[in-house]
Amino acid sequence: MKIGLALGGGVARGLYHVGLLKALEKLEIKIDIISGTSIGAIIGGLYALTQNANEVEERLFKILDKHQKELSLLKTSFSPANVEAKTAFFEKWCDLAKEFYIWNLRIAKTSLVDLKPFLKIFRGLFEDFSFKDCKIPFSVTAVNLLTAEVVSIESGPLYRGVLASSSYPGFFPPLKIEDKILIDGGVLMPVPAKIIRKKADFIIGVNLESSGYRFPIVRNAMDVMNLADRIRYKRIIEESLNGIDFLISPNLENFSWGDFTIARELMQKGESEMLGLGKELKAALRANRYRGLMPLKKFFSFRLPFKHK
């Protein structure tokens, strides 16, 4: 039975994935294929390349220490997490806009930051390795602006594919690859399970976005636009979870999207929570084998549901 792992996006919150991978190794659950979106593409790519969660952690901390200045820009770009987490792209972008005062001439640019410093980060992580160098089959998702479709990337330089999957719209410029103009895959597929559905018999999915819905107080036109986009994005998240056999959806609302200084805390949380779900995961794997490799319909999650107000 081939086990697939689909790692979702979440900016700094995605460091949770590292702890989860460490736990899977301790549980002796071997991953046969990996897909990733955004930060999930970064973590997934490093693990597919090394097949060693501790090595992934070491590489990440080297980069985090070396590029504190560049990463601090992300911290100021994304507002701190609060009780009612902002999940939709539009809401995050509005907060980012306030921080950067883009209602000026910089709105004419295709991005808010210069990509060159961040390009060094991606090159530092993946060097000159390509997808074919991965020890575990690996693919990432991006969205093609020209066709409005999800694109699966599984060949070429690793850093370039992962960068395309991580090109958060408005913050990073779109990345041109061949005849495609690519942005962050999380725009249309927050958890990239579908692209490995035909290749895996059992898929573990990790969703770091909130798919809950609470009706907020509507005070102005911006609130209406935020609410409309939240409804749209909730549907996108739910759609991306279809076909997942074991869903892990942690509550990370108290962690800021852009604060990479909380890396160790996020990794520890991912490891402890995945270890806590070990029995359930192994039971689901056994049940899947007994059912003739047919996907299970039950989701396993430890996120409390949001209540409608």
C-alpha atoms as a PDB file:
ATOM      1  CA  MET A   1       0.000   0.000   0.000  1.00  0.00           C
ATOM      2  CA  LYS A   2       1.404   3.381  -1.027  1.00  0.00           C
ATOM      3  CA  ILE A   3       0.990   6.159   1.527  1.00  0.00           C
ATOM      4  CA  GLY A   4       0.810   9.726   0.257  1.00  0.00           C
ATOM      5  CA  LEU A   5       1.359  12.908   2.251  1.00  0.00           C
ATOM      6  CA  ALA A   6      -0.220  16.229   1.182  1.00  0.00           C
ATOM      7  CA  LEU A   7       1.199  19.259   3.011  1.00  0.00           C
ATOM      8  CA  GLY A   8      -0.818  22.470   2.931  1.00  0.00           C
ATOM      9  CA  GLY A   9       0.276  26.093   3.004  1.00  0.00           C
ATOM     10  CA  GLY A  10       0.404  28.450   5.975  1.00  0.00           C
ATOM     11  CA  VAL A  11       3.544  30.641   5.782  1.00  0.00           C
ATOM     12  CA  ALA A  12       5.471  30.338   9.105  1.00  0.00           C
ATOM     13  CA  ARG A  13       2.791  28.043  10.513  1.00  0.00           C
ATOM     14  CA  GLY A  14       4.007  25.454   8.024  1.00  0.00           C
ATOM     15  CA  LEU A  15       6.971  24.709  10.279  1.00  0.00           C
ATOM     16  CA  TYR A  16       4.421  22.518  12.056  1.00  0.00           C
ATOM     17  CA  HIS A  17       5.026  20.075   9.182  1.00  0.00           C
ATOM     18  CA  VAL A  18       8.593  19.426  10.345  1.00  0.00           C
ATOM     19  CA  GLY A  19       7.465  18.145  13.729  1.00  0.00           C
ATOM     20  CA  LEU A  20       4.785  16.044  12.088  1.00  0.00           C
ATOM     21  CA  LEU A  21       7.414  14.401   9.857  1.00  0.00           C
ATOM     22  CA  LYS A  22       9.595  13.659  12.875  1.00  0.00           C
ATOM     23  CA  ALA A  23       6.613  11.979  14.533  1.00  0.00           C
ATOM     24  CA  LEU A  24       5.823   9.880  11.460  1.00  0.00           C
ATOM     25  CA  GLU A  25       9.392   8.587  11.529  1.00  0.00           C
ATOM     26  CA  LYS A  26       9.057   7.679  15.219  1.00  0.00           C
ATOM     27  CA  LEU A  27       5.772   5.926  14.426  1.00  0.00           C
ATOM     28  CA  GLU A  28       7.617   4.044  11.645  1.00  0.00           C
ATOM     29  CA  ILE A  29       5.131   5.173   9.020  1.00  0.00           C
ATOM     30  CA  LYS A  30       6.927   5.329   5.693  1.00  0.00           C
ATOM     31  CA  ILE A  31       5.742   7.949   3.208  1.00  0.00           C
ATOM     32  CA  ASP A  32       5.841   6.825  -0.435  1.00  0.00           C
ATOM     33  CA  ILE A  33       4.817  10.022  -2.222  1.00  0.00           C
ATOM     34  CA  ILE A  34       4.595  13.700  -1.201  1.00  0.00           C
ATOM     35  CA  SER A  35       2.797  16.755  -2.543  1.00  0.00           C
ATOM     36  CA  GLY A  36       3.082  20.276  -1.196  1.00  0.00           C
ATOM     37  CA  THR A  37       1.724  23.774  -1.590  1.00  0.00           C
ATOM     38  CA  SER A  38       3.524  26.968  -0.535  1.00  0.00           C
ATOM     39  CA  ILE A  39       5.368  26.327   2.775  1.00  0.00           C
ATOM     40  CA  GLY A  40       4.170  22.728   2.427  1.00  0.00           C
ATOM     41  CA  ALA A  41       6.129  22.593  -0.829  1.00  0.00           C
ATOM     42  CA  ILE A  42       9.267  23.836   0.954  1.00  0.00           C
ATOM     43  CA  ILE A  43       9.058  21.321   3.816  1.00  0.00           C
ATOM     44  CA  GLY A  44       7.844  18.524   1.556  1.00  0.00           C
ATOM     45  CA  GLY A  45      10.624  19.143  -0.944  1.00  0.00           C
ATOM     46  CA  LEU A  46      13.327  19.037   1.710  1.00  0.00           C
ATOM     47  CA  TYR A  47      11.942  15.811   3.152  1.00  0.00           C
ATOM     48  CA  ALA A  48      11.538  14.208  -0.273  1.00  0.00           C
ATOM     49  CA  LEU A  49      15.150  15.112  -0.983  1.00  0.00           C
ATOM     50  CA  THR A  50      16.663  13.919   2.301  1.00  0.00           C
ATOM     51  CA  GLN A  51      14.100  11.438   3.697  1.00  0.00           C
ATOM     52  CA  ASN A  52      15.263  12.627   7.114  1.00  0.00           C
ATOM     53  CA  ALA A  53      13.201  15.001   9.284  1.00  0.00           C
ATOM     54  CA  ASN A  54      16.163  15.935  11.492  1.00  0.00           C
ATOM     55  CA  GLU A  55      18.152  16.989   8.442  1.00  0.00           C
ATOM     56  CA  VAL A  56      15.197  19.054   7.248  1.00  0.00           C
ATOM     57  CA  GLU A  57      15.145  20.787  10.629  1.00  0.00           C
ATOM     58  CA  GLU A  58      18.900  21.479  10.491  1.00  0.00           C
ATOM     59  CA  ARG A  59      18.722  22.964   6.983  1.00  0.00           C
ATOM     60  CA  LEU A  60      15.809  25.178   7.924  1.00  0.00           C
ATOM     61  CA  PHE A  61      17.469  26.577  11.033  1.00  0.00           C
ATOM     62  CA  LYS A  62      20.633  27.375   9.082  1.00  0.00           C
ATOM     63  CA  ILE A  63      18.550  29.401   6.633  1.00  0.00           C
ATOM     64  CA  LEU A  64      16.447  31.001   9.375  1.00  0.00           C
ATOM     65  CA  ASP A  65      19.583  32.148  11.194  1.00  0.00           C
ATOM     66  CA  LYS A  66      21.287  33.376   8.032  1.00  0.00           C
ATOM     67  CA  HIS A  67      18.324  35.323   6.617  1.00  0.00           C
ATOM     68  CA  GLN A  68      16.717  36.863   9.693  1.00  0.00           C
ATOM     69  CA  LYS A  69      16.512  40.276   8.016  1.00  0.00           C
ATOM     70  CA  GLU A  70      14.554  39.029   4.996  1.00  0.00           C
ATOM     71  CA  LEU A  71      12.257  36.841   7.085  1.00  0.00           C
ATOM     72  CA  SER A  72      11.524  39.679   9.491  1.00  0.00           C
ATOM     73  CA  LEU A  73       9.861  41.388   6.536  1.00  0.00           C
ATOM     74  CA  LEU A  74       7.310  38.589   6.473  1.00  0.00           C
ATOM     75  CA  LYS A  75       6.614  39.119  10.157  1.00  0.00           C
ATOM     76  CA  THR A  76       5.718  42.766   9.582  1.00  0.00           C
ATOM     77  CA  SER A  77       3.758  41.885   6.445  1.00  0.00           C
ATOM     78  CA  PHE A  78       1.278  39.514   8.040  1.00  0.00           C
ATOM     79  CA  SER A  79      -0.712  40.772  11.002  1.00  0.00           C
ATOM     80  CA  PRO A  80      -0.422  38.754  14.236  1.00  0.00           C
ATOM     81  CA  ALA A  81      -2.862  35.914  14.726  1.00  0.00           C
ATOM     82  CA  ASN A  82      -5.965  36.717  16.727  1.00  0.00           C
ATOM     83  CA  VAL A  83      -8.999  34.885  18.025  1.00  0.00           C
ATOM     84  CA  GLU A  84     -10.844  35.217  14.755  1.00  0.00           C
ATOM     85  CA  ALA A  85      -8.085  34.176  12.354  1.00  0.00           C
ATOM     86  CA  LYS A  86      -8.036  35.746   8.939  1.00  0.00           C
ATOM     87  CA  THR A  87      -8.092  32.805   6.545  1.00  0.00           C
ATOM     88  CA  ALA A  88      -8.979  34.224   3.158  1.00  0.00           C
ATOM     89  CA  PHE A  89      -6.383  35.532   0.753  1.00  0.00           C
ATOM     90  CA  PHE A  90      -8.246  38.824   0.412  1.00  0.00           C
ATOM     91  CA  GLU A  91      -8.215  39.438   4.162  1.00  0.00           C
ATOM     92  CA  LYS A  92      -4.504  38.683   4.462  1.00  0.00           C
ATOM     93  CA  TRP A  93      -3.752  40.874   1.484  1.00  0.00           C
ATOM     94  CA  CYS A  94      -5.698  43.783   3.003  1.00  0.00           C
ATOM     95  CA  ASP A  95      -3.641  43.562   6.186  1.00  0.00           C
ATOM     96  CA  LEU A  96      -0.479  43.392   4.141  1.00  0.00           C
ATOM     97  CA  ALA A  97      -1.598  46.429   2.158  1.00  0.00           C
ATOM     98  CA  LYS A  98      -2.033  48.479   5.329  1.00  0.00           C
ATOM     99  CA  GLU A  99       1.457  47.594   6.500  1.00  0.00           C
ATOM    100  CA  PHE A 100       3.117  48.565   3.232  1.00  0.00           C
ATOM    101  CA  TYR A 101       0.945  51.574   2.335  1.00  0.00           C
ATOM    102  CA  ILE A 102       0.543  50.240  -1.160  1.00  0.00           C
ATOM    103  CA  TRP A 103      -2.186  52.746  -1.920  1.00  0.00           C
ATOM    104  CA  ASN A 104       0.686  54.729  -3.462  1.00  0.00           C
ATOM    105  CA  LEU A 105       2.903  54.352  -6.495  1.00  0.00           C
ATOM    106  CA  ARG A 106       4.116  50.899  -5.476  1.00  0.00           C
ATOM    107  CA  ILE A 107       0.717  49.506  -6.433  1.00  0.00           C
ATOM    108  CA  ALA A 108       1.971  49.717 -10.008  1.00  0.00           C
ATOM    109  CA  LYS A 109       4.437  46.920  -9.296  1.00  0.00           C
ATOM    110  CA  THR A 110       3.556  43.221  -9.563  1.00  0.00           C
ATOM    111  CA  SER A 111       4.854  42.586  -6.047  1.00  0.00           C
ATOM    112  CA  LEU A 112       5.592  44.391  -2.793  1.00  0.00           C
ATOM    113  CA  VAL A 113       9.126  43.088  -2.337  1.00  0.00           C
ATOM    114  CA  ASP A 114      12.217  42.435  -4.384  1.00  0.00           C
ATOM    115  CA  LEU A 115      12.436  38.710  -5.057  1.00  0.00           C
ATOM    116  CA  LYS A 116      16.257  38.557  -5.178  1.00  0.00           C
ATOM    117  CA  PRO A 117      16.895  38.261  -1.403  1.00  0.00           C
ATOM    118  CA  PHE A 118      14.255  35.545  -1.084  1.00  0.00           C
ATOM    119  CA  LEU A 119      15.609  33.763  -4.139  1.00  0.00           C
ATOM    120  CA  LYS A 120      18.827  33.255  -2.158  1.00  0.00           C
ATOM    121  CA  ILE A 121      16.807  31.490   0.513  1.00  0.00           C
ATOM    122  CA  PHE A 122      15.278  29.027  -1.944  1.00  0.00           C
ATOM    123  CA  ARG A 123      18.617  28.417  -3.664  1.00  0.00           C
ATOM    124  CA  GLY A 124      20.249  27.926  -0.271  1.00  0.00           C
ATOM    125  CA  LEU A 125      17.686  25.316   0.710  1.00  0.00           C
ATOM    126  CA  PHE A 126      17.615  23.302  -2.501  1.00  0.00           C
ATOM    127  CA  GLU A 127      20.986  24.121  -4.105  1.00  0.00           C
ATOM    128  CA  ASP A 128      21.157  22.627  -7.610  1.00  0.00           C
ATOM    129  CA  PHE A 129      18.963  19.612  -6.926  1.00  0.00           C
ATOM    130  CA  SER A 130      16.076  18.765  -9.234  1.00  0.00           C
ATOM    131  CA  PHE A 131      12.845  16.833  -8.717  1.00  0.00           C
ATOM    132  CA  LYS A 132      14.493  13.704 -10.116  1.00  0.00           C
ATOM    133  CA  ASP A 133      17.014  13.805  -7.242  1.00  0.00           C
ATOM    134  CA  CYS A 134      14.283  13.294  -4.648  1.00  0.00           C
ATOM    135  CA  LYS A 135      14.384  10.021  -2.735  1.00  0.00           C
ATOM    136  CA  ILE A 136      10.593  10.177  -2.428  1.00  0.00           C
ATOM    137  CA  PRO A 137       8.455  11.068  -5.492  1.00  0.00           C
ATOM    138  CA  PHE A 138       7.487  14.712  -5.041  1.00  0.00           C
ATOM    139  CA  SER A 139       5.266  17.303  -6.717  1.00  0.00           C
ATOM    140  CA  VAL A 140       4.085  20.817  -5.951  1.00  0.00           C
ATOM    141  CA  THR A 141       1.107  22.898  -7.028  1.00  0.00           C
ATOM    142  CA  ALA A 142       0.911  26.413  -8.409  1.00  0.00           C
ATOM    143  CA  VAL A 143      -1.824  28.396 -10.137  1.00  0.00           C
ATOM    144  CA  ASN A 144      -1.393  29.541 -13.727  1.00  0.00           C
ATOM    145  CA  LEU A 145      -2.657  33.118 -14.006  1.00  0.00           C
ATOM    146  CA  LEU A 146      -3.150  32.725 -17.754  1.00  0.00           C
ATOM    147  CA  THR A 147      -5.562  29.793 -17.508  1.00  0.00           C
ATOM    148  CA  ALA A 148      -6.836  30.046 -13.898  1.00  0.00           C
ATOM    149  CA  GLU A 149      -5.917  26.384 -13.412  1.00  0.00           C
ATOM    150  CA  VAL A 150      -3.919  24.424 -10.844  1.00  0.00           C
ATOM    151  CA  VAL A 151      -0.593  23.245 -12.249  1.00  0.00           C
ATOM    152  CA  SER A 152       1.318  20.267 -10.888  1.00  0.00           C
ATOM    153  CA  ILE A 153       5.103  20.640 -11.097  1.00  0.00           C
ATOM    154  CA  GLU A 154       7.233  17.515 -10.762  1.00  0.00           C
ATOM    155  CA  SER A 155      10.277  18.129 -12.941  1.00  0.00           C
ATOM    156  CA  GLY A 156      13.042  20.674 -13.315  1.00  0.00           C
ATOM    157  CA  PRO A 157      15.032  22.500 -10.603  1.00  0.00           C
ATOM    158  CA  LEU A 158      13.542  21.996  -7.146  1.00  0.00           C
ATOM    159  CA  TYR A 159      14.059  25.571  -6.016  1.00  0.00           C
ATOM    160  CA  ARG A 160      12.193  26.927  -9.023  1.00  0.00           C
ATOM    161  CA  GLY A 161       9.167  24.648  -8.639  1.00  0.00           C
ATOM    162  CA  VAL A 162       8.948  25.305  -4.910  1.00  0.00           C
ATOM    163  CA  LEU A 163       9.344  29.053  -5.474  1.00  0.00           C
ATOM    164  CA  ALA A 164       6.459  29.027  -7.943  1.00  0.00           C
ATOM    165  CA  SER A 165       4.278  27.182  -5.432  1.00  0.00           C
ATOM    166  CA  SER A 166       5.220  29.738  -2.753  1.00  0.00           C
ATOM    167  CA  SER A 167       4.748  32.931  -4.776  1.00  0.00           C
ATOM    168  CA  TYR A 168       2.151  34.540  -2.534  1.00  0.00           C
ATOM    169  CA  PRO A 169       0.139  36.873  -4.816  1.00  0.00           C
ATOM    170  CA  GLY A 170       0.966  40.520  -4.383  1.00  0.00           C
ATOM    171  CA  PHE A 171       3.881  39.860  -2.053  1.00  0.00           C
ATOM    172  CA  PHE A 172       6.139  37.918  -4.450  1.00  0.00           C
ATOM    173  CA  PRO A 173       6.001  38.507  -8.204  1.00  0.00           C
ATOM    174  CA  PRO A 174       4.468  35.765 -10.382  1.00  0.00           C
ATOM    175  CA  LEU A 175       7.056  33.305 -11.680  1.00  0.00           C
ATOM    176  CA  LYS A 176       7.271  32.596 -15.408  1.00  0.00           C
ATOM    177  CA  ILE A 177       8.037  28.981 -16.294  1.00  0.00           C
ATOM    178  CA  GLU A 178       7.850  28.165 -19.989  1.00  0.00           C
ATOM    179  CA  ASP A 179       4.469  29.497 -21.173  1.00  0.00           C
ATOM    180  CA  LYS A 180       2.969  29.722 -17.667  1.00  0.00           C
ATOM    181  CA  ILE A 181       2.704  32.626 -15.226  1.00  0.00           C
ATOM    182  CA  LEU A 182       2.577  31.003 -11.799  1.00  0.00           C
ATOM    183  CA  ILE A 183       1.526  32.043  -8.285  1.00  0.00           C
ATOM    184  CA  ASP A 184       0.977  30.306  -4.938  1.00  0.00           C
ATOM    185  CA  GLY A 185      -0.871  26.989  -5.296  1.00  0.00           C
ATOM    186  CA  GLY A 186      -2.868  27.691  -2.152  1.00  0.00           C
ATOM    187  CA  VAL A 187      -5.014  30.178  -4.080  1.00  0.00           C
ATOM    188  CA  LEU A 188      -7.035  27.265  -5.505  1.00  0.00           C
ATOM    189  CA  MET A 189      -5.746  24.186  -3.644  1.00  0.00           C
ATOM    190  CA  PRO A 190      -4.744  24.807  -0.012  1.00  0.00           C
ATOM    191  CA  VAL A 191      -4.048  21.090   0.525  1.00  0.00           C
ATOM    192  CA  PRO A 192      -2.732  19.371  -2.649  1.00  0.00           C
ATOM    193  CA  ALA A 193      -4.192  15.899  -2.154  1.00  0.00           C
ATOM    194  CA  LYS A 194      -5.864  15.625  -5.560  1.00  0.00           C
ATOM    195  CA  ILE A 195      -2.619  15.663  -7.523  1.00  0.00           C
ATOM    196  CA  ILE A 196      -1.455  12.426  -5.856  1.00  0.00           C
ATOM    197  CA  ARG A 197      -4.840  10.720  -5.485  1.00  0.00           C
ATOM    198  CA  LYS A 198      -4.226   8.333  -8.388  1.00  0.00           C
ATOM    199  CA  LYS A 199      -0.703   7.545  -7.219  1.00  0.00           C
ATOM    200  CA  ALA A 200      -1.423   6.766  -3.559  1.00  0.00           C
ATOM    201  CA  ASP A 201      -3.697   4.226  -1.887  1.00  0.00           C
ATOM    202  CA  PHE A 202      -3.968   6.188   1.344  1.00  0.00           C
ATOM    203  CA  ILE A 203      -3.465   9.949   1.744  1.00  0.00           C
ATOM    204  CA  ILE A 204      -2.548  11.794   4.923  1.00  0.00           C
ATOM    205  CA  GLY A 205      -3.490  15.454   4.521  1.00  0.00           C
ATOM    206  CA  VAL A 206      -2.320  18.372   6.677  1.00  0.00           C
ATOM    207  CA  ASN A 207      -4.502  21.474   6.575  1.00  0.00           C
ATOM    208  CA  LEU A 208      -3.169  24.570   8.354  1.00  0.00           C
ATOM    209  CA  GLU A 209      -5.961  26.864   7.154  1.00  0.00           C
ATOM    210  CA  SER A 210      -9.163  27.387   9.099  1.00  0.00           C
ATOM    211  CA  SER A 211     -12.177  26.049   7.216  1.00  0.00           C
ATOM    212  CA  GLY A 212     -14.564  27.208   9.937  1.00  0.00           C
ATOM    213  CA  TYR A 213     -17.029  30.014   9.474  1.00  0.00           C
ATOM    214  CA  ARG A 214     -18.287  32.603  11.905  1.00  0.00           C
ATOM    215  CA  PHE A 215     -20.498  35.473  10.847  1.00  0.00           C
ATOM    216  CA  PRO A 216     -18.641  38.648  11.817  1.00  0.00           C
ATOM    217  CA  ILE A 217     -19.979  42.100  12.555  1.00  0.00           C
ATOM    218  CA  VAL A 218     -20.411  43.861   9.218  1.00  0.00           C
ATOM    219  CA  ARG A 219     -19.604  47.546   9.651  1.00  0.00           C
ATOM    220  CA  ASN A 220     -18.518  48.737   6.224  1.00  0.00           C
ATOM    221  CA  ALA A 221     -17.872  47.819   2.590  1.00  0.00           C
ATOM    222  CA  MET A 222     -14.477  46.282   3.432  1.00  0.00           C
ATOM    223  CA  ASP A 223     -16.146  43.927   5.923  1.00  0.00           C
ATOM    224  CA  VAL A 224     -18.596  42.821   3.228  1.00  0.00           C
ATOM    225  CA  MET A 225     -15.751  42.110   0.789  1.00  0.00           C
ATOM    226  CA  ASN A 226     -13.812  40.236   3.477  1.00  0.00           C
ATOM    227  CA  LEU A 227     -16.854  38.137   4.341  1.00  0.00           C
ATOM    228  CA  ALA A 228     -17.580  37.306   0.704  1.00  0.00           C
ATOM    229  CA  ASP A 229     -13.997  36.189   0.154  1.00  0.00           C
ATOM    230  CA  ARG A 230     -14.019  34.179   3.370  1.00  0.00           C
ATOM    231  CA  ILE A 231     -17.079  32.264   2.149  1.00  0.00           C
ATOM    232  CA  ARG A 232     -15.400  31.625  -1.207  1.00  0.00           C
ATOM    233  CA  TYR A 233     -12.142  30.494   0.369  1.00  0.00           C
ATOM    234  CA  LYS A 234     -13.942  28.210   2.841  1.00  0.00           C
ATOM    235  CA  ARG A 235     -15.452  26.359  -0.114  1.00  0.00           C
ATOM    236  CA  ILE A 236     -12.023  26.090  -1.766  1.00  0.00           C
ATOM    237  CA  ILE A 237     -10.525  24.595   1.395  1.00  0.00           C
ATOM    238  CA  GLU A 238     -13.341  22.075   1.734  1.00  0.00           C
ATOM    239  CA  GLU A 239     -12.966  21.061  -1.906  1.00  0.00           C
ATOM    240  CA  SER A 240      -9.226  20.526  -1.499  1.00  0.00           C
ATOM    241  CA  LEU A 241      -9.854  18.109   1.393  1.00  0.00           C
ATOM    242  CA  ASN A 242     -11.855  15.692  -0.733  1.00  0.00           C
ATOM    243  CA  GLY A 243     -10.095  12.355  -1.144  1.00  0.00           C
ATOM    244  CA  ILE A 244      -8.021  12.651   2.036  1.00  0.00           C
ATOM    245  CA  ASP A 245      -8.142   9.489   4.151  1.00  0.00           C
ATOM    246  CA  PHE A 246      -6.633  10.894   7.339  1.00  0.00           C
ATOM    247  CA  LEU A 247      -6.945  14.637   7.864  1.00  0.00           C
ATOM    248  CA  ILE A 248      -4.790  16.530  10.346  1.00  0.00           C
ATOM    249  CA  SER A 249      -6.102  20.038  10.943  1.00  0.00           C
ATOM    250  CA  PRO A 250      -4.408  21.625  13.982  1.00  0.00           C
ATOM    251  CA  ASN A 251      -5.558  24.763  15.710  1.00  0.00           C
ATOM    252  CA  LEU A 252      -2.764  27.281  15.062  1.00  0.00           C
ATOM    253  CA  GLU A 253      -4.737  30.477  15.489  1.00  0.00           C
ATOM    254  CA  ASN A 254      -2.425  31.688  18.254  1.00  0.00           C
ATOM    255  CA  PHE A 255       0.581  31.553  15.923  1.00  0.00           C
ATOM    256  CA  SER A 256       1.367  34.443  13.599  1.00  0.00           C
ATOM    257  CA  TRP A 257       1.516  33.741   9.863  1.00  0.00           C
ATOM    258  CA  GLY A 258       4.833  35.510   9.383  1.00  0.00           C
ATOM    259  CA  ASP A 259       6.728  34.921  12.636  1.00  0.00           C
ATOM    260  CA  PHE A 260       9.536  32.436  11.973  1.00  0.00           C
ATOM    261  CA  THR A 261      11.011  33.005  15.442  1.00  0.00           C
ATOM    262  CA  ILE A 262       8.447  30.520  16.823  1.00  0.00           C
ATOM    263  CA  ALA A 263       9.864  27.698  14.689  1.00  0.00           C
ATOM    264  CA  ARG A 264      10.817  25.392  17.554  1.00  0.00           C
ATOM    265  CA  GLU A 265       7.471  25.782  19.271  1.00  0.00           C
ATOM    266  CA  LEU A 266       5.594  24.944  16.070  1.00  0.00           C
ATOM    267  CA  MET A 267       7.799  21.933  15.360  1.00  0.00           C
ATOM    268  CA  GLN A 268       7.335  20.609  18.890  1.00  0.00           C
ATOM    269  CA  LYS A 269       3.586  21.071  18.603  1.00  0.00           C
ATOM    270  CA  GLY A 270       3.495  19.194  15.300  1.00  0.00           C
ATOM    271  CA  GLU A 271       5.523  16.318  16.702  1.00  0.00           C
ATOM    272  CA  SER A 272       3.557  15.926  19.941  1.00  0.00           C
ATOM    273  CA  GLU A 273       0.149  16.172  18.267  1.00  0.00           C
ATOM    274  CA  MET A 274       1.066  13.689  15.532  1.00  0.00           C
ATOM    275  CA  LEU A 275       2.406  11.245  18.103  1.00  0.00           C
ATOM    276  CA  GLY A 276      -0.873  11.651  19.959  1.00  0.00           C
ATOM    277  CA  LEU A 277      -2.725  10.638  16.800  1.00  0.00           C
ATOM    278  CA  GLY A 278      -0.460   7.674  16.127  1.00  0.00           C
ATOM    279  CA  LYS A 279      -2.901   4.979  17.249  1.00  0.00           C
ATOM    280  CA  GLU A 280      -5.732   6.460  15.191  1.00  0.00           C
ATOM    281  CA  LEU A 281      -3.548   6.728  12.107  1.00  0.00           C
ATOM    282  CA  LYS A 282      -2.289   3.153  12.370  1.00  0.00           C
ATOM    283  CA  ALA A 283      -5.853   1.939  12.884  1.00  0.00           C
ATOM    284  CA  ALA A 284      -6.964   3.822   9.772  1.00  0.00           C
ATOM    285  CA  LEU A 285      -4.104   2.308   7.769  1.00  0.00           C
ATOM    286  CA  ARG A 286      -5.052  -1.202   8.908  1.00  0.00           C
ATOM    287  CA  ALA A 287      -8.711  -0.588   8.078  1.00  0.00           C
ATOM    288  CA  ASN A 288      -7.749   0.641   4.622  1.00  0.00           C
ATOM    289  CA  ARG A 289      -5.813  -2.550   3.950  1.00  0.00           C
ATOM    290  CA  TYR A 290      -8.773  -4.671   5.058  1.00  0.00           C
ATOM    291  CA  ARG A 291     -11.108  -2.762   2.779  1.00  0.00           C
ATOM    292  CA  GLY A 292      -9.206  -3.716  -0.309  1.00  0.00           C
ATOM    293  CA  LEU A 293      -7.307  -0.403  -0.531  1.00  0.00           C
ATOM    294  CA  MET A 294     -10.535   1.577  -0.894  1.00  0.00           C
ATOM    295  CA  PRO A 295     -10.315   5.151   0.504  1.00  0.00           C
ATOM    296  CA  LEU A 296     -11.835   5.666   3.923  1.00  0.00           C
ATOM    297  CA  LYS A 297     -14.614   8.186   4.200  1.00  0.00           C
ATOM    298  CA  LYS A 298     -13.923   9.191   7.782  1.00  0.00           C
ATOM    299  CA  PHE A 299     -11.805  12.264   8.526  1.00  0.00           C
ATOM    300  CA  PHE A 300      -9.677  12.381  11.655  1.00  0.00           C
ATOM    301  CA  SER A 301      -9.108  15.886  12.976  1.00  0.00           C
ATOM    302  CA  PHE A 302      -8.397  17.590  16.271  1.00  0.00           C
ATOM    303  CA  ARG A 303      -9.641  21.075  15.332  1.00  0.00           C
ATOM    304  CA  LEU A 304     -12.744  22.129  17.215  1.00  0.00           C
ATOM    305  CA  PRO A 305     -15.550  23.162  14.849  1.00  0.00           C
ATOM    306  CA  PHE A 306     -16.438  26.825  14.639  1.00  0.00           C
ATOM    307  CA  LYS A 307     -19.864  27.770  15.887  1.00  0.00           C
ATOM    308  CA  HIS A 308     -22.182  29.891  13.804  1.00  0.00           C
ATOM    309  CA  LYS A 309     -23.089  33.093  15.543  1.00  0.00           C
END
